[in-house]
Amino acid sequence: MWIRDAETLQWEYLTAAFETIYGLSRAEALAGDNFSSWIDLIVAEDRQRVEAQIQRIRDGERVTFEYRICRPKDGGIRWLRDADFPIRDDTGKVAHIGGVGRDITLQKQAEEARQLRFAELQHQVRNTLAVIRSIVRRTMEKSISLEEANAHLEGRINAFARVQAAITRNPAGGIDLAAIIAEELRAAGAKEGDGLTISGPQQALHPKAAETIGLAVHELATNALKYGALSHRAGSVDVQWRIEGDALRFAWSESGMHSLKSSERQGFGSEVLQRSLPYELGATVNLRVEPTGLHFEAEIPLSAIQTREHDARSSDQ
């Protein structure tokens, strides 16, 4: 709480809480032209507005307003909310002005965090809808019949939804590559050990990278179970990835087939593998269909898939 002379605007009284908020002793604050020195503590963008509010109190109004100060000794920015009022003498003249200032910095920070989370949620929703629209449009464009489109569309949207569920569980920590691969193979009905091997180091993916890679693995798994190595008893699939330098090297190798032929029609799956990965993640890809099975390799820059937390740790090191 504070009280000023209404004419000179010099402080006449300050409570001890001033020192806690401003990081400045009351003796220092009261010295000299303390109104000017106080105005200097206010963030420059807020000063004119604060001075206008002070004038309103001198004119006899009660006002409540918010402003920022810069603590002189540590440079910290604090938000204050003042509820100020005129103090009249026996003649009704405004002789003093007073106010109660409250530090609302934590409240402001919480509001900013909520606004940031809301903005991020809006961005995520827009991105999700854009990806789903793209999946639907490209599936329809690449399908030769409505029946074929229906057969593929549900699986692709479900694959995208599984990645979104993983993102929701741990939005900041990244999505584990091995978990995405295992989940897509499990959803397709494949089990590790039944002609299927999976190996590679732990690698967290940024949400956008997880979406693209998840769709790619879904297409590989669906194709292997319908037409490729996992559709035959003798067939097998080996999924491996490793880190080399500044890139993730991913390899999907099918074997055990005898007369597998490459389709002349380029469907949505081929587009995801050969166009989306290079476009979205800057990957270099190689897709080969050999008589013994399909082989797919991708070299993806780590900078395109790493999480923000990983980037922060790397810069600290």
C-alpha atoms as a PDB file:
ATOM      1  CA  MET A   1       0.000   0.000   0.000  1.00  0.00           C
ATOM      2  CA  TRP A   2       1.175   3.512  -0.776  1.00  0.00           C
ATOM      3  CA  ILE A   3       0.053   7.125  -0.289  1.00  0.00           C
ATOM      4  CA  ARG A   4       1.210  10.154  -2.297  1.00  0.00           C
ATOM      5  CA  ASP A   5       0.697  13.875  -1.966  1.00  0.00           C
ATOM      6  CA  ALA A   6      -1.868  14.689  -4.650  1.00  0.00           C
ATOM      7  CA  GLU A   7      -0.139  17.906  -5.701  1.00  0.00           C
ATOM      8  CA  THR A   8       3.549  16.924  -5.689  1.00  0.00           C
ATOM      9  CA  LEU A   9       2.956  13.191  -6.306  1.00  0.00           C
ATOM     10  CA  GLN A  10       5.720  12.411  -3.816  1.00  0.00           C
ATOM     11  CA  TRP A  11       5.322   9.236  -1.777  1.00  0.00           C
ATOM     12  CA  GLU A  12       4.441   9.821   1.851  1.00  0.00           C
ATOM     13  CA  TYR A  13       3.994   6.200   2.865  1.00  0.00           C
ATOM     14  CA  LEU A  14       4.996   2.736   1.668  1.00  0.00           C
ATOM     15  CA  THR A  15       4.342  -0.644   3.288  1.00  0.00           C
ATOM     16  CA  ALA A  16       7.118  -3.201   3.696  1.00  0.00           C
ATOM     17  CA  ALA A  17       5.693  -5.350   0.878  1.00  0.00           C
ATOM     18  CA  PHE A  18       7.106  -2.767  -1.545  1.00  0.00           C
ATOM     19  CA  GLU A  19      10.609  -4.079  -0.887  1.00  0.00           C
ATOM     20  CA  THR A  20       9.589  -7.660  -1.698  1.00  0.00           C
ATOM     21  CA  ILE A  21       7.967  -6.707  -4.991  1.00  0.00           C
ATOM     22  CA  TYR A  22      10.448  -4.111  -6.236  1.00  0.00           C
ATOM     23  CA  GLY A  23      13.644  -5.524  -4.709  1.00  0.00           C
ATOM     24  CA  LEU A  24      14.392  -2.008  -3.486  1.00  0.00           C
ATOM     25  CA  SER A  25      14.434  -0.633   0.056  1.00  0.00           C
ATOM     26  CA  ARG A  26      11.806   1.899   1.067  1.00  0.00           C
ATOM     27  CA  ALA A  27      14.560   4.369   2.007  1.00  0.00           C
ATOM     28  CA  GLU A  28      15.938   4.208  -1.526  1.00  0.00           C
ATOM     29  CA  ALA A  29      12.456   4.480  -3.045  1.00  0.00           C
ATOM     30  CA  LEU A  30      11.470   7.517  -0.972  1.00  0.00           C
ATOM     31  CA  ALA A  31      14.632   9.496  -1.672  1.00  0.00           C
ATOM     32  CA  GLY A  32      14.675  12.522  -3.991  1.00  0.00           C
ATOM     33  CA  ASP A  33      11.955  13.009  -6.583  1.00  0.00           C
ATOM     34  CA  ASN A  34      10.444   9.628  -5.908  1.00  0.00           C
ATOM     35  CA  PHE A  35       7.614   9.943  -8.439  1.00  0.00           C
ATOM     36  CA  SER A  36      10.074  10.384 -11.303  1.00  0.00           C
ATOM     37  CA  SER A  37      12.289   7.588 -10.010  1.00  0.00           C
ATOM     38  CA  TRP A  38       9.223   5.316  -9.719  1.00  0.00           C
ATOM     39  CA  ILE A  39       8.110   6.150 -13.263  1.00  0.00           C
ATOM     40  CA  ASP A  40      11.603   5.176 -14.438  1.00  0.00           C
ATOM     41  CA  LEU A  41      11.074   1.698 -12.958  1.00  0.00           C
ATOM     42  CA  ILE A  42       7.988   1.158 -15.135  1.00  0.00           C
ATOM     43  CA  VAL A  43       8.532  -0.579 -18.477  1.00  0.00           C
ATOM     44  CA  ALA A  44       8.738   2.149 -21.123  1.00  0.00           C
ATOM     45  CA  GLU A  45       5.696   0.944 -23.100  1.00  0.00           C
ATOM     46  CA  ASP A  46       3.490   1.226 -19.986  1.00  0.00           C
ATOM     47  CA  ARG A  47       4.603   4.623 -18.633  1.00  0.00           C
ATOM     48  CA  GLN A  48       2.274   6.938 -20.539  1.00  0.00           C
ATOM     49  CA  ARG A  49      -0.742   4.805 -19.638  1.00  0.00           C
ATOM     50  CA  VAL A  50       0.262   4.713 -15.950  1.00  0.00           C
ATOM     51  CA  GLU A  51       0.707   8.484 -15.804  1.00  0.00           C
ATOM     52  CA  ALA A  52      -2.747   8.938 -17.347  1.00  0.00           C
ATOM     53  CA  GLN A  53      -4.252   6.688 -14.654  1.00  0.00           C
ATOM     54  CA  ILE A  54      -2.511   8.650 -11.908  1.00  0.00           C
ATOM     55  CA  GLN A  55      -4.021  11.843 -13.290  1.00  0.00           C
ATOM     56  CA  ARG A  56      -7.495  10.298 -13.187  1.00  0.00           C
ATOM     57  CA  ILE A  57      -7.035   9.576  -9.467  1.00  0.00           C
ATOM     58  CA  ARG A  58      -5.915  13.175  -8.868  1.00  0.00           C
ATOM     59  CA  ASP A  59      -9.143  14.224 -10.598  1.00  0.00           C
ATOM     60  CA  GLY A  60     -11.142  12.203  -8.069  1.00  0.00           C
ATOM     61  CA  GLU A  61     -11.695   8.828  -9.793  1.00  0.00           C
ATOM     62  CA  ARG A  62     -11.079   5.323  -8.519  1.00  0.00           C
ATOM     63  CA  VAL A  63      -9.112   3.274 -11.045  1.00  0.00           C
ATOM     64  CA  THR A  64      -7.709  -0.231 -11.404  1.00  0.00           C
ATOM     65  CA  PHE A  65      -4.976  -0.885 -13.932  1.00  0.00           C
ATOM     66  CA  GLU A  66      -2.064  -3.208 -14.706  1.00  0.00           C
ATOM     67  CA  TYR A  67       1.516  -2.408 -15.614  1.00  0.00           C
ATOM     68  CA  ARG A  68       5.019  -3.837 -15.613  1.00  0.00           C
ATOM     69  CA  ILE A  69       8.070  -2.793 -13.642  1.00  0.00           C
ATOM     70  CA  CYS A  70      11.727  -3.662 -14.112  1.00  0.00           C
ATOM     71  CA  ARG A  71      13.388  -4.396 -10.786  1.00  0.00           C
ATOM     72  CA  PRO A  72      16.477  -2.156 -10.683  1.00  0.00           C
ATOM     73  CA  LYS A  73      18.862  -4.601  -9.011  1.00  0.00           C
ATOM     74  CA  ASP A  74      18.193  -7.880 -10.813  1.00  0.00           C
ATOM     75  CA  GLY A  75      16.435  -6.716 -13.994  1.00  0.00           C
ATOM     76  CA  GLY A  76      13.416  -8.936 -13.307  1.00  0.00           C
ATOM     77  CA  ILE A  77      10.103  -7.961 -14.906  1.00  0.00           C
ATOM     78  CA  ARG A  78       7.099  -8.018 -12.592  1.00  0.00           C
ATOM     79  CA  TRP A  79       3.429  -7.458 -13.401  1.00  0.00           C
ATOM     80  CA  LEU A  80       1.448  -5.323 -10.932  1.00  0.00           C
ATOM     81  CA  ARG A  81      -2.254  -4.613 -10.610  1.00  0.00           C
ATOM     82  CA  ASP A  82      -3.055  -1.373  -8.764  1.00  0.00           C
ATOM     83  CA  ALA A  83      -6.421  -0.492  -7.213  1.00  0.00           C
ATOM     84  CA  ASP A  84      -6.038   3.257  -6.564  1.00  0.00           C
ATOM     85  CA  PHE A  85      -8.273   5.882  -5.019  1.00  0.00           C
ATOM     86  CA  PRO A  86      -8.406   9.609  -4.075  1.00  0.00           C
ATOM     87  CA  ILE A  87      -8.185  10.728  -0.421  1.00  0.00           C
ATOM     88  CA  ARG A  88     -10.074  13.973   0.207  1.00  0.00           C
ATOM     89  CA  ASP A  89      -9.608  16.561   2.958  1.00  0.00           C
ATOM     90  CA  ASP A  90     -12.410  18.171   5.007  1.00  0.00           C
ATOM     91  CA  THR A  91     -13.268  20.508   2.161  1.00  0.00           C
ATOM     92  CA  GLY A  92     -13.677  17.670  -0.338  1.00  0.00           C
ATOM     93  CA  LYS A  93     -10.483  18.473  -2.188  1.00  0.00           C
ATOM     94  CA  VAL A  94      -8.263  15.564  -3.272  1.00  0.00           C
ATOM     95  CA  ALA A  95      -5.330  16.035  -0.919  1.00  0.00           C
ATOM     96  CA  HIS A  96      -3.702  12.616  -1.260  1.00  0.00           C
ATOM     97  CA  ILE A  97      -3.932   9.617  -3.564  1.00  0.00           C
ATOM     98  CA  GLY A  98      -3.482   6.068  -2.398  1.00  0.00           C
ATOM     99  CA  GLY A  99      -3.348   2.585  -3.829  1.00  0.00           C
ATOM    100  CA  VAL A 100      -2.933  -1.094  -3.187  1.00  0.00           C
ATOM    101  CA  GLY A 101      -0.563  -2.802  -5.598  1.00  0.00           C
ATOM    102  CA  ARG A 102      -0.555  -6.570  -6.032  1.00  0.00           C
ATOM    103  CA  ASP A 103       2.123  -8.632  -7.766  1.00  0.00           C
ATOM    104  CA  ILE A 104       0.267 -10.664 -10.438  1.00  0.00           C
ATOM    105  CA  THR A 105       3.334 -11.972 -12.291  1.00  0.00           C
ATOM    106  CA  LEU A 106       2.539 -15.655 -11.708  1.00  0.00           C
ATOM    107  CA  GLN A 107      -1.038 -15.118 -12.838  1.00  0.00           C
ATOM    108  CA  LYS A 108       0.150 -13.404 -16.022  1.00  0.00           C
ATOM    109  CA  GLN A 109       2.617 -16.185 -16.727  1.00  0.00           C
ATOM    110  CA  ALA A 110      -0.147 -18.756 -16.279  1.00  0.00           C
ATOM    111  CA  GLU A 111      -2.400 -16.812 -18.666  1.00  0.00           C
ATOM    112  CA  GLU A 112       0.381 -16.626 -21.262  1.00  0.00           C
ATOM    113  CA  ALA A 113       1.013 -20.363 -20.910  1.00  0.00           C
ATOM    114  CA  ARG A 114      -2.695 -21.089 -21.423  1.00  0.00           C
ATOM    115  CA  GLN A 115      -2.792 -18.870 -24.487  1.00  0.00           C
ATOM    116  CA  LEU A 116       0.297 -20.594 -25.878  1.00  0.00           C
ATOM    117  CA  ARG A 117      -1.208 -24.044 -25.286  1.00  0.00           C
ATOM    118  CA  PHE A 118      -4.452 -22.936 -26.937  1.00  0.00           C
ATOM    119  CA  ALA A 119      -2.563 -21.591 -29.961  1.00  0.00           C
ATOM    120  CA  GLU A 120      -0.589 -24.829 -30.209  1.00  0.00           C
ATOM    121  CA  LEU A 121      -3.818 -26.837 -29.961  1.00  0.00           C
ATOM    122  CA  GLN A 122      -5.388 -24.765 -32.740  1.00  0.00           C
ATOM    123  CA  HIS A 123      -2.310 -25.340 -34.902  1.00  0.00           C
ATOM    124  CA  GLN A 124      -2.383 -29.073 -34.174  1.00  0.00           C
ATOM    125  CA  VAL A 125      -6.080 -29.330 -35.027  1.00  0.00           C
ATOM    126  CA  ARG A 126      -5.571 -27.445 -38.299  1.00  0.00           C
ATOM    127  CA  ASN A 127      -2.598 -29.668 -39.128  1.00  0.00           C
ATOM    128  CA  THR A 128      -4.557 -32.820 -38.284  1.00  0.00           C
ATOM    129  CA  LEU A 129      -7.477 -31.799 -40.494  1.00  0.00           C
ATOM    130  CA  ALA A 130      -5.096 -30.891 -43.314  1.00  0.00           C
ATOM    131  CA  VAL A 131      -3.403 -34.308 -43.151  1.00  0.00           C
ATOM    132  CA  ILE A 132      -6.745 -36.139 -43.076  1.00  0.00           C
ATOM    133  CA  ARG A 133      -8.002 -34.119 -46.068  1.00  0.00           C
ATOM    134  CA  SER A 134      -4.790 -34.980 -47.896  1.00  0.00           C
ATOM    135  CA  ILE A 135      -5.131 -38.683 -47.077  1.00  0.00           C
ATOM    136  CA  VAL A 136      -8.732 -38.737 -48.291  1.00  0.00           C
ATOM    137  CA  ARG A 137      -8.004 -36.754 -51.461  1.00  0.00           C
ATOM    138  CA  ARG A 138      -4.920 -38.721 -52.437  1.00  0.00           C
ATOM    139  CA  THR A 139      -6.549 -42.061 -51.633  1.00  0.00           C
ATOM    140  CA  MET A 140      -9.486 -41.218 -53.892  1.00  0.00           C
ATOM    141  CA  GLU A 141      -7.180 -39.991 -56.640  1.00  0.00           C
ATOM    142  CA  LYS A 142      -5.037 -43.131 -56.524  1.00  0.00           C
ATOM    143  CA  SER A 143      -7.886 -45.644 -56.258  1.00  0.00           C
ATOM    144  CA  ILE A 144      -9.473 -47.242 -59.316  1.00  0.00           C
ATOM    145  CA  SER A 145     -12.786 -47.894 -57.555  1.00  0.00           C
ATOM    146  CA  LEU A 146     -14.810 -46.758 -54.573  1.00  0.00           C
ATOM    147  CA  GLU A 147     -14.413 -50.207 -53.029  1.00  0.00           C
ATOM    148  CA  GLU A 148     -10.628 -49.947 -53.218  1.00  0.00           C
ATOM    149  CA  ALA A 149     -10.718 -46.459 -51.728  1.00  0.00           C
ATOM    150  CA  ASN A 150     -12.866 -47.638 -48.813  1.00  0.00           C
ATOM    151  CA  ALA A 151     -10.548 -50.580 -48.207  1.00  0.00           C
ATOM    152  CA  HIS A 152      -7.493 -48.324 -47.864  1.00  0.00           C
ATOM    153  CA  LEU A 153      -8.943 -45.166 -46.348  1.00  0.00           C
ATOM    154  CA  GLU A 154      -9.933 -46.553 -42.959  1.00  0.00           C
ATOM    155  CA  GLY A 155      -6.529 -48.163 -42.426  1.00  0.00           C
ATOM    156  CA  ARG A 156      -4.672 -44.978 -43.287  1.00  0.00           C
ATOM    157  CA  ILE A 157      -6.769 -42.770 -41.045  1.00  0.00           C
ATOM    158  CA  ASN A 158      -6.420 -45.300 -38.233  1.00  0.00           C
ATOM    159  CA  ALA A 159      -2.646 -45.298 -38.700  1.00  0.00           C
ATOM    160  CA  PHE A 160      -2.624 -41.519 -38.472  1.00  0.00           C
ATOM    161  CA  ALA A 161      -4.872 -41.667 -35.381  1.00  0.00           C
ATOM    162  CA  ARG A 162      -2.480 -44.066 -33.642  1.00  0.00           C
ATOM    163  CA  VAL A 163       0.367 -41.599 -34.083  1.00  0.00           C
ATOM    164  CA  GLN A 164      -1.835 -38.765 -32.794  1.00  0.00           C
ATOM    165  CA  ALA A 165      -2.651 -40.831 -29.702  1.00  0.00           C
ATOM    166  CA  ALA A 166       1.069 -41.321 -29.053  1.00  0.00           C
ATOM    167  CA  ILE A 167       1.667 -37.570 -29.478  1.00  0.00           C
ATOM    168  CA  THR A 168      -1.118 -36.786 -27.003  1.00  0.00           C
ATOM    169  CA  ARG A 169       0.365 -39.120 -24.388  1.00  0.00           C
ATOM    170  CA  ASN A 170       3.744 -37.366 -24.522  1.00  0.00           C
ATOM    171  CA  PRO A 171       3.528 -34.154 -26.580  1.00  0.00           C
ATOM    172  CA  ALA A 172       6.955 -32.798 -25.582  1.00  0.00           C
ATOM    173  CA  GLY A 173       9.017 -35.962 -25.163  1.00  0.00           C
ATOM    174  CA  GLY A 174       8.803 -37.282 -28.711  1.00  0.00           C
ATOM    175  CA  ILE A 175       7.416 -40.516 -30.134  1.00  0.00           C
ATOM    176  CA  ASP A 176       9.572 -43.620 -30.109  1.00  0.00           C
ATOM    177  CA  LEU A 177      10.348 -44.942 -33.597  1.00  0.00           C
ATOM    178  CA  ALA A 178      10.351 -48.589 -32.478  1.00  0.00           C
ATOM    179  CA  ALA A 179       6.914 -48.150 -30.905  1.00  0.00           C
ATOM    180  CA  ILE A 180       5.500 -46.712 -34.132  1.00  0.00           C
ATOM    181  CA  ILE A 181       6.887 -49.590 -36.214  1.00  0.00           C
ATOM    182  CA  ALA A 182       5.676 -52.236 -33.764  1.00  0.00           C
ATOM    183  CA  GLU A 183       2.236 -50.620 -33.481  1.00  0.00           C
ATOM    184  CA  GLU A 184       1.704 -50.481 -37.244  1.00  0.00           C
ATOM    185  CA  LEU A 185       2.813 -54.075 -37.739  1.00  0.00           C
ATOM    186  CA  ARG A 186       0.610 -55.192 -34.853  1.00  0.00           C
ATOM    187  CA  ALA A 187      -2.368 -53.305 -36.292  1.00  0.00           C
ATOM    188  CA  ALA A 188      -1.782 -55.036 -39.636  1.00  0.00           C
ATOM    189  CA  GLY A 189      -1.796 -58.435 -37.923  1.00  0.00           C
ATOM    190  CA  ALA A 190       1.933 -59.176 -38.059  1.00  0.00           C
ATOM    191  CA  LYS A 191       3.816 -60.548 -35.046  1.00  0.00           C
ATOM    192  CA  GLU A 192       7.526 -60.359 -34.405  1.00  0.00           C
ATOM    193  CA  GLY A 193       9.053 -63.798 -34.750  1.00  0.00           C
ATOM    194  CA  ASP A 194       6.605 -65.002 -37.419  1.00  0.00           C
ATOM    195  CA  GLY A 195       8.886 -64.185 -40.304  1.00  0.00           C
ATOM    196  CA  LEU A 196       9.398 -60.725 -38.896  1.00  0.00           C
ATOM    197  CA  THR A 197      12.407 -59.160 -37.181  1.00  0.00           C
ATOM    198  CA  ILE A 198      12.724 -55.593 -35.872  1.00  0.00           C
ATOM    199  CA  SER A 199      15.945 -54.029 -34.630  1.00  0.00           C
ATOM    200  CA  GLY A 200      17.369 -50.572 -34.050  1.00  0.00           C
ATOM    201  CA  PRO A 201      18.377 -48.062 -31.374  1.00  0.00           C
ATOM    202  CA  GLN A 202      15.944 -45.921 -29.433  1.00  0.00           C
ATOM    203  CA  GLN A 203      15.068 -42.808 -31.408  1.00  0.00           C
ATOM    204  CA  ALA A 204      12.504 -40.153 -30.455  1.00  0.00           C
ATOM    205  CA  LEU A 205      10.671 -38.481 -33.316  1.00  0.00           C
ATOM    206  CA  HIS A 206       9.217 -35.016 -33.634  1.00  0.00           C
ATOM    207  CA  PRO A 207       5.390 -35.248 -34.054  1.00  0.00           C
ATOM    208  CA  LYS A 208       5.442 -34.205 -37.724  1.00  0.00           C
ATOM    209  CA  ALA A 209       8.134 -36.772 -38.501  1.00  0.00           C
ATOM    210  CA  ALA A 210       6.188 -39.423 -36.567  1.00  0.00           C
ATOM    211  CA  GLU A 211       3.097 -38.763 -38.697  1.00  0.00           C
ATOM    212  CA  THR A 212       4.984 -39.152 -41.975  1.00  0.00           C
ATOM    213  CA  ILE A 213       7.008 -42.197 -40.907  1.00  0.00           C
ATOM    214  CA  GLY A 214       3.938 -43.820 -39.326  1.00  0.00           C
ATOM    215  CA  LEU A 215       2.029 -43.597 -42.616  1.00  0.00           C
ATOM    216  CA  ALA A 216       5.037 -44.959 -44.510  1.00  0.00           C
ATOM    217  CA  VAL A 217       5.370 -47.987 -42.201  1.00  0.00           C
ATOM    218  CA  HIS A 218       1.614 -48.556 -42.445  1.00  0.00           C
ATOM    219  CA  GLU A 219       1.858 -48.720 -46.239  1.00  0.00           C
ATOM    220  CA  LEU A 220       4.821 -51.108 -46.096  1.00  0.00           C
ATOM    221  CA  ALA A 221       3.115 -53.371 -43.557  1.00  0.00           C
ATOM    222  CA  THR A 222      -0.225 -53.413 -45.398  1.00  0.00           C
ATOM    223  CA  ASN A 223       1.460 -54.190 -48.703  1.00  0.00           C
ATOM    224  CA  ALA A 224       3.575 -56.979 -47.148  1.00  0.00           C
ATOM    225  CA  LEU A 225       0.537 -58.648 -45.611  1.00  0.00           C
ATOM    226  CA  LYS A 226      -1.635 -58.388 -48.721  1.00  0.00           C
ATOM    227  CA  TYR A 227       0.826 -58.945 -51.547  1.00  0.00           C
ATOM    228  CA  GLY A 228       4.338 -59.273 -50.160  1.00  0.00           C
ATOM    229  CA  ALA A 229       6.492 -61.413 -47.907  1.00  0.00           C
ATOM    230  CA  LEU A 230       4.093 -61.629 -44.984  1.00  0.00           C
ATOM    231  CA  SER A 231       1.350 -63.002 -47.228  1.00  0.00           C
ATOM    232  CA  HIS A 232       3.301 -66.264 -47.715  1.00  0.00           C
ATOM    233  CA  ARG A 233       4.494 -68.815 -45.219  1.00  0.00           C
ATOM    234  CA  ALA A 234       8.042 -68.755 -46.571  1.00  0.00           C
ATOM    235  CA  GLY A 235       8.243 -64.970 -46.666  1.00  0.00           C
ATOM    236  CA  SER A 236      10.006 -62.828 -44.093  1.00  0.00           C
ATOM    237  CA  VAL A 237      10.519 -59.159 -43.331  1.00  0.00           C
ATOM    238  CA  ASP A 238      13.568 -57.615 -41.690  1.00  0.00           C
ATOM    239  CA  VAL A 239      13.138 -54.046 -40.386  1.00  0.00           C
ATOM    240  CA  GLN A 240      16.307 -52.268 -39.281  1.00  0.00           C
ATOM    241  CA  TRP A 241      17.399 -48.724 -38.545  1.00  0.00           C
ATOM    242  CA  ARG A 242      20.616 -47.152 -37.319  1.00  0.00           C
ATOM    243  CA  ILE A 243      22.168 -43.751 -36.799  1.00  0.00           C
ATOM    244  CA  GLU A 244      25.070 -42.868 -39.067  1.00  0.00           C
ATOM    245  CA  GLY A 245      26.553 -39.414 -38.745  1.00  0.00           C
ATOM    246  CA  ASP A 246      23.746 -36.890 -38.956  1.00  0.00           C
ATOM    247  CA  ALA A 247      21.189 -39.244 -40.519  1.00  0.00           C
ATOM    248  CA  LEU A 248      18.804 -42.047 -39.634  1.00  0.00           C
ATOM    249  CA  ARG A 249      19.121 -44.989 -42.018  1.00  0.00           C
ATOM    250  CA  PHE A 250      15.961 -47.091 -42.233  1.00  0.00           C
ATOM    251  CA  ALA A 251      15.690 -50.358 -44.167  1.00  0.00           C
ATOM    252  CA  TRP A 252      12.697 -52.608 -44.842  1.00  0.00           C
ATOM    253  CA  SER A 253      13.742 -55.851 -46.573  1.00  0.00           C
ATOM    254  CA  GLU A 254      11.385 -58.619 -47.682  1.00  0.00           C
ATOM    255  CA  SER A 255      12.536 -62.060 -48.766  1.00  0.00           C
ATOM    256  CA  GLY A 256      11.185 -65.543 -49.470  1.00  0.00           C
ATOM    257  CA  MET A 257       9.124 -64.642 -52.512  1.00  0.00           C
ATOM    258  CA  HIS A 258       9.763 -66.233 -55.914  1.00  0.00           C
ATOM    259  CA  SER A 259       7.991 -64.206 -58.578  1.00  0.00           C
ATOM    260  CA  LEU A 260       6.981 -60.880 -57.062  1.00  0.00           C
ATOM    261  CA  LYS A 261       6.304 -58.316 -59.784  1.00  0.00           C
ATOM    262  CA  SER A 262       6.332 -54.552 -59.619  1.00  0.00           C
ATOM    263  CA  SER A 263       2.983 -52.881 -60.250  1.00  0.00           C
ATOM    264  CA  GLU A 264       2.945 -50.326 -63.033  1.00  0.00           C
ATOM    265  CA  ARG A 265       0.322 -48.295 -61.190  1.00  0.00           C
ATOM    266  CA  GLN A 266       1.724 -45.877 -58.615  1.00  0.00           C
ATOM    267  CA  GLY A 267      -0.710 -45.861 -55.712  1.00  0.00           C
ATOM    268  CA  PHE A 268      -0.920 -43.805 -52.525  1.00  0.00           C
ATOM    269  CA  GLY A 269       1.562 -46.112 -50.760  1.00  0.00           C
ATOM    270  CA  SER A 270       4.221 -45.514 -53.383  1.00  0.00           C
ATOM    271  CA  GLU A 271       3.554 -41.788 -53.205  1.00  0.00           C
ATOM    272  CA  VAL A 272       4.052 -41.753 -49.422  1.00  0.00           C
ATOM    273  CA  LEU A 273       7.305 -43.709 -49.687  1.00  0.00           C
ATOM    274  CA  GLN A 274       8.785 -41.995 -52.732  1.00  0.00           C
ATOM    275  CA  ARG A 275       7.410 -38.447 -52.487  1.00  0.00           C
ATOM    276  CA  SER A 276       6.108 -37.643 -48.989  1.00  0.00           C
ATOM    277  CA  LEU A 277       9.240 -38.761 -47.139  1.00  0.00           C
ATOM    278  CA  PRO A 278      11.566 -36.670 -49.359  1.00  0.00           C
ATOM    279  CA  TYR A 279       9.185 -33.685 -49.355  1.00  0.00           C
ATOM    280  CA  GLU A 280       8.275 -33.678 -45.641  1.00  0.00           C
ATOM    281  CA  LEU A 281      11.578 -34.866 -44.142  1.00  0.00           C
ATOM    282  CA  GLY A 282      14.207 -34.289 -46.823  1.00  0.00           C
ATOM    283  CA  ALA A 283      14.786 -38.041 -47.049  1.00  0.00           C
ATOM    284  CA  THR A 284      16.692 -39.861 -49.770  1.00  0.00           C
ATOM    285  CA  VAL A 285      14.753 -43.032 -50.616  1.00  0.00           C
ATOM    286  CA  ASN A 286      15.223 -46.160 -52.691  1.00  0.00           C
ATOM    287  CA  LEU A 287      12.284 -48.484 -53.428  1.00  0.00           C
ATOM    288  CA  ARG A 288      12.979 -51.730 -55.298  1.00  0.00           C
ATOM    289  CA  VAL A 289      10.621 -54.587 -56.078  1.00  0.00           C
ATOM    290  CA  GLU A 290      12.655 -57.738 -56.733  1.00  0.00           C
ATOM    291  CA  PRO A 291      11.299 -61.221 -57.455  1.00  0.00           C
ATOM    292  CA  THR A 292      12.243 -62.283 -53.904  1.00  0.00           C
ATOM    293  CA  GLY A 293      10.527 -59.331 -52.242  1.00  0.00           C
ATOM    294  CA  LEU A 294      10.237 -55.579 -51.766  1.00  0.00           C
ATOM    295  CA  HIS A 295      13.169 -53.528 -50.463  1.00  0.00           C
ATOM    296  CA  PHE A 296      12.917 -49.997 -49.189  1.00  0.00           C
ATOM    297  CA  GLU A 297      15.672 -47.786 -47.789  1.00  0.00           C
ATOM    298  CA  ALA A 298      15.473 -44.231 -46.516  1.00  0.00           C
ATOM    299  CA  GLU A 299      18.177 -41.896 -45.302  1.00  0.00           C
ATOM    300  CA  ILE A 300      16.524 -39.177 -43.181  1.00  0.00           C
ATOM    301  CA  PRO A 301      18.386 -36.149 -41.741  1.00  0.00           C
ATOM    302  CA  LEU A 302      18.295 -36.201 -37.950  1.00  0.00           C
ATOM    303  CA  SER A 303      17.505 -32.489 -37.994  1.00  0.00           C
ATOM    304  CA  ALA A 304      14.145 -33.342 -39.600  1.00  0.00           C
ATOM    305  CA  ILE A 305      13.060 -35.879 -37.002  1.00  0.00           C
ATOM    306  CA  GLN A 306      14.586 -34.850 -33.681  1.00  0.00           C
ATOM    307  CA  THR A 307      12.408 -33.468 -30.915  1.00  0.00           C
ATOM    308  CA  ARG A 308      12.846 -29.959 -29.486  1.00  0.00           C
ATOM    309  CA  GLU A 309      14.060 -31.462 -26.208  1.00  0.00           C
ATOM    310  CA  HIS A 310      16.811 -33.339 -28.067  1.00  0.00           C
ATOM    311  CA  ASP A 311      17.798 -30.147 -29.876  1.00  0.00           C
ATOM    312  CA  ALA A 312      17.998 -28.289 -26.560  1.00  0.00           C
ATOM    313  CA  ARG A 313      20.165 -31.004 -24.988  1.00  0.00           C
ATOM    314  CA  SER A 314      22.464 -31.015 -28.019  1.00  0.00           C
ATOM    315  CA  SER A 315      22.940 -27.242 -27.885  1.00  0.00           C
ATOM    316  CA  ASP A 316      23.656 -27.388 -24.137  1.00  0.00           C
ATOM    317  CA  GLN A 317      26.348 -29.983 -24.766  1.00  0.00           C
END
